[in-house]
Protein backbone atom coordinates (compact mmCIF):
# COMPACT_ATOMS: atom_id res chain seq x y z
CA MET A 1 10.42 -18.20 -102.93
CA ALA A 2 14.13 -18.32 -103.74
CA GLU A 3 16.43 -15.95 -101.89
CA LYS A 4 17.67 -13.25 -104.31
CA ARG A 5 19.95 -11.43 -101.91
CA THR A 6 23.65 -11.71 -102.56
CA ARG A 7 24.81 -9.37 -99.79
CA THR A 8 24.67 -9.83 -96.03
CA ARG A 9 21.89 -7.95 -94.25
CA VAL A 10 22.28 -6.88 -90.65
CA GLU A 11 19.61 -5.82 -88.21
CA TYR A 12 20.34 -2.18 -87.50
CA ARG A 13 18.06 0.43 -85.96
CA ALA A 14 18.60 4.09 -86.77
CA GLN A 15 16.48 7.10 -87.64
CA ALA A 16 16.08 7.80 -91.35
CA ASP A 17 14.46 10.13 -93.85
CA ILE A 18 13.56 9.56 -97.48
CA VAL A 19 12.86 12.17 -100.15
CA ILE A 20 10.80 11.25 -103.22
CA ASP A 21 9.76 13.85 -105.79
CA GLY A 22 10.67 16.65 -103.38
CA GLN A 23 8.49 15.23 -100.59
CA LYS A 24 10.35 14.36 -97.40
CA HIS A 25 9.18 11.47 -95.21
CA SER A 26 10.79 11.86 -91.76
CA GLY A 27 10.73 9.88 -88.56
CA LEU A 28 11.36 6.53 -90.21
CA GLN A 29 13.45 3.76 -88.71
CA THR A 30 15.79 1.32 -90.39
CA ARG A 31 15.05 -2.35 -89.79
CA ASP A 32 17.85 -3.99 -91.70
CA LEU A 33 20.71 -2.78 -93.78
CA SER A 34 23.10 -4.12 -96.38
CA HIS A 35 25.59 -2.39 -98.56
CA ARG A 36 23.03 -2.59 -101.37
CA GLY A 37 19.92 -1.37 -99.56
CA VAL A 38 17.78 -0.71 -96.51
CA PHE A 39 14.28 -1.51 -95.24
CA LEU A 40 12.58 1.57 -93.77
CA LEU A 41 9.87 0.99 -91.18
CA GLY A 42 7.04 3.51 -91.44
CA ALA A 43 7.63 4.29 -95.13
CA ARG A 44 4.21 3.27 -96.39
CA GLN A 45 2.70 3.31 -99.86
CA LEU A 46 5.81 4.52 -101.64
CA PRO A 47 5.65 4.12 -105.41
CA LEU A 48 7.64 1.17 -106.74
CA GLY A 49 10.46 2.26 -109.01
CA ALA A 50 10.56 5.77 -107.55
CA GLN A 51 13.99 7.38 -107.40
CA CYS A 52 14.77 8.67 -103.92
CA ALA A 53 17.36 10.05 -101.54
CA VAL A 54 17.81 8.25 -98.20
CA THR A 55 19.53 9.75 -95.17
CA ILE A 56 20.35 7.53 -92.18
CA HIS A 57 21.16 9.42 -88.98
CA LEU A 58 23.82 7.75 -86.84
CA PHE A 59 24.25 8.44 -83.12
CA SER A 60 27.05 7.69 -80.71
CA GLN A 61 26.46 5.65 -77.55
CA GLY A 62 25.66 8.87 -75.67
CA GLN A 63 22.99 9.66 -78.28
CA THR A 64 25.13 12.49 -79.64
CA PRO A 65 24.43 13.05 -83.34
CA GLY A 66 27.05 11.37 -85.48
CA PRO A 67 27.61 11.12 -89.20
CA GLU A 68 24.75 10.95 -91.66
CA LEU A 69 24.75 8.37 -94.43
CA SER A 70 23.32 9.77 -97.67
CA MET A 71 22.44 7.47 -100.54
CA GLN A 72 20.51 7.67 -103.80
CA GLY A 73 18.25 4.73 -104.50
CA THR A 74 15.14 3.16 -105.96
CA VAL A 75 12.06 1.90 -104.09
CA VAL A 76 12.02 -1.82 -104.87
CA ARG A 77 9.38 -3.09 -102.44
CA SER A 78 6.49 -1.50 -100.59
CA ALA A 79 4.80 -3.32 -97.73
CA GLN A 80 2.29 -2.49 -95.03
CA ASP A 81 5.04 -1.87 -92.45
CA GLY A 82 7.50 -0.04 -94.69
CA ALA A 83 9.53 -0.03 -97.88
CA ALA A 84 12.77 -1.43 -99.25
CA VAL A 85 15.19 0.84 -101.08
CA GLU A 86 18.01 -0.45 -103.25
CA PHE A 87 20.99 1.90 -103.29
CA ASN A 88 22.20 3.21 -106.65
CA SER A 89 24.99 5.49 -105.46
CA MET A 90 26.62 7.11 -102.45
CA ASP A 91 29.71 9.15 -101.71
CA ALA A 92 32.95 7.57 -100.49
CA ASP A 93 32.51 8.65 -96.84
CA THR A 94 29.03 7.14 -96.68
CA TYR A 95 30.32 3.94 -98.28
CA LEU A 96 33.08 3.60 -95.65
CA HIS A 97 30.69 4.24 -92.73
CA LEU A 98 28.17 1.77 -94.18
CA ARG A 99 30.88 -0.84 -94.71
CA ASN A 100 32.07 -0.52 -91.11
CA LEU A 101 28.51 -0.67 -89.73
CA ILE A 102 27.76 -3.87 -91.60
CA ILE A 103 31.05 -5.55 -90.72
CA LEU A 104 30.69 -4.65 -87.02
CA ASN A 105 27.12 -5.99 -86.88
CA ALA A 106 27.53 -9.07 -89.09
CA PRO A 107 27.54 -12.61 -87.68
CA ASP A 108 30.52 -13.44 -89.95
CA PRO A 109 32.63 -10.27 -90.46
CA ASP A 110 35.21 -12.10 -92.61
CA ALA A 111 32.56 -13.17 -95.13
CA VAL A 112 31.24 -9.60 -95.29
CA GLU A 113 34.76 -8.28 -95.94
CA GLU A 114 34.87 -10.57 -98.99
CA GLU A 115 31.50 -9.20 -100.20
CA PHE A 116 32.90 -5.69 -100.11
CA ALA A 117 35.78 -6.80 -102.34
CA THR A 118 33.30 -7.28 -105.23
CA VAL A 119 31.65 -4.41 -107.08
CA ALA A 120 28.11 -3.71 -105.89
CA PHE A 121 27.34 -0.60 -107.93
CA GLU A 122 27.49 0.31 -111.59
CA ASN A 123 29.13 3.58 -110.50
CA PRO A 124 31.27 2.73 -107.46
CA PRO A 125 31.83 5.43 -104.81
CA GLU A 126 34.65 7.80 -105.67
């Protein structure tokens, strides 16, 4: 199968929640992250095409709660171990935190910086 991804993914573990049709699924964990989407371990049998809200909970090294990343997205893949969500929109603060997370965890930060120079969303963060 040909690789469709055009954005760098990084392995990143964090706690996450997803809300679909008013139902919150908590206690999930991110597996990988890009500036276009996330794979959520434990998110099983989510309906493909469902619109959702994803919150990723960041922690400092001392496990002190840090910022939360909040994105709107669409479930694009559902697997036995979890689901993939493609981001549709996010606020500017979330975008900056996400950008920094990916750059700091990428094998080639310079290449990722170039990716962020191209538009990834129809409605870019304000």
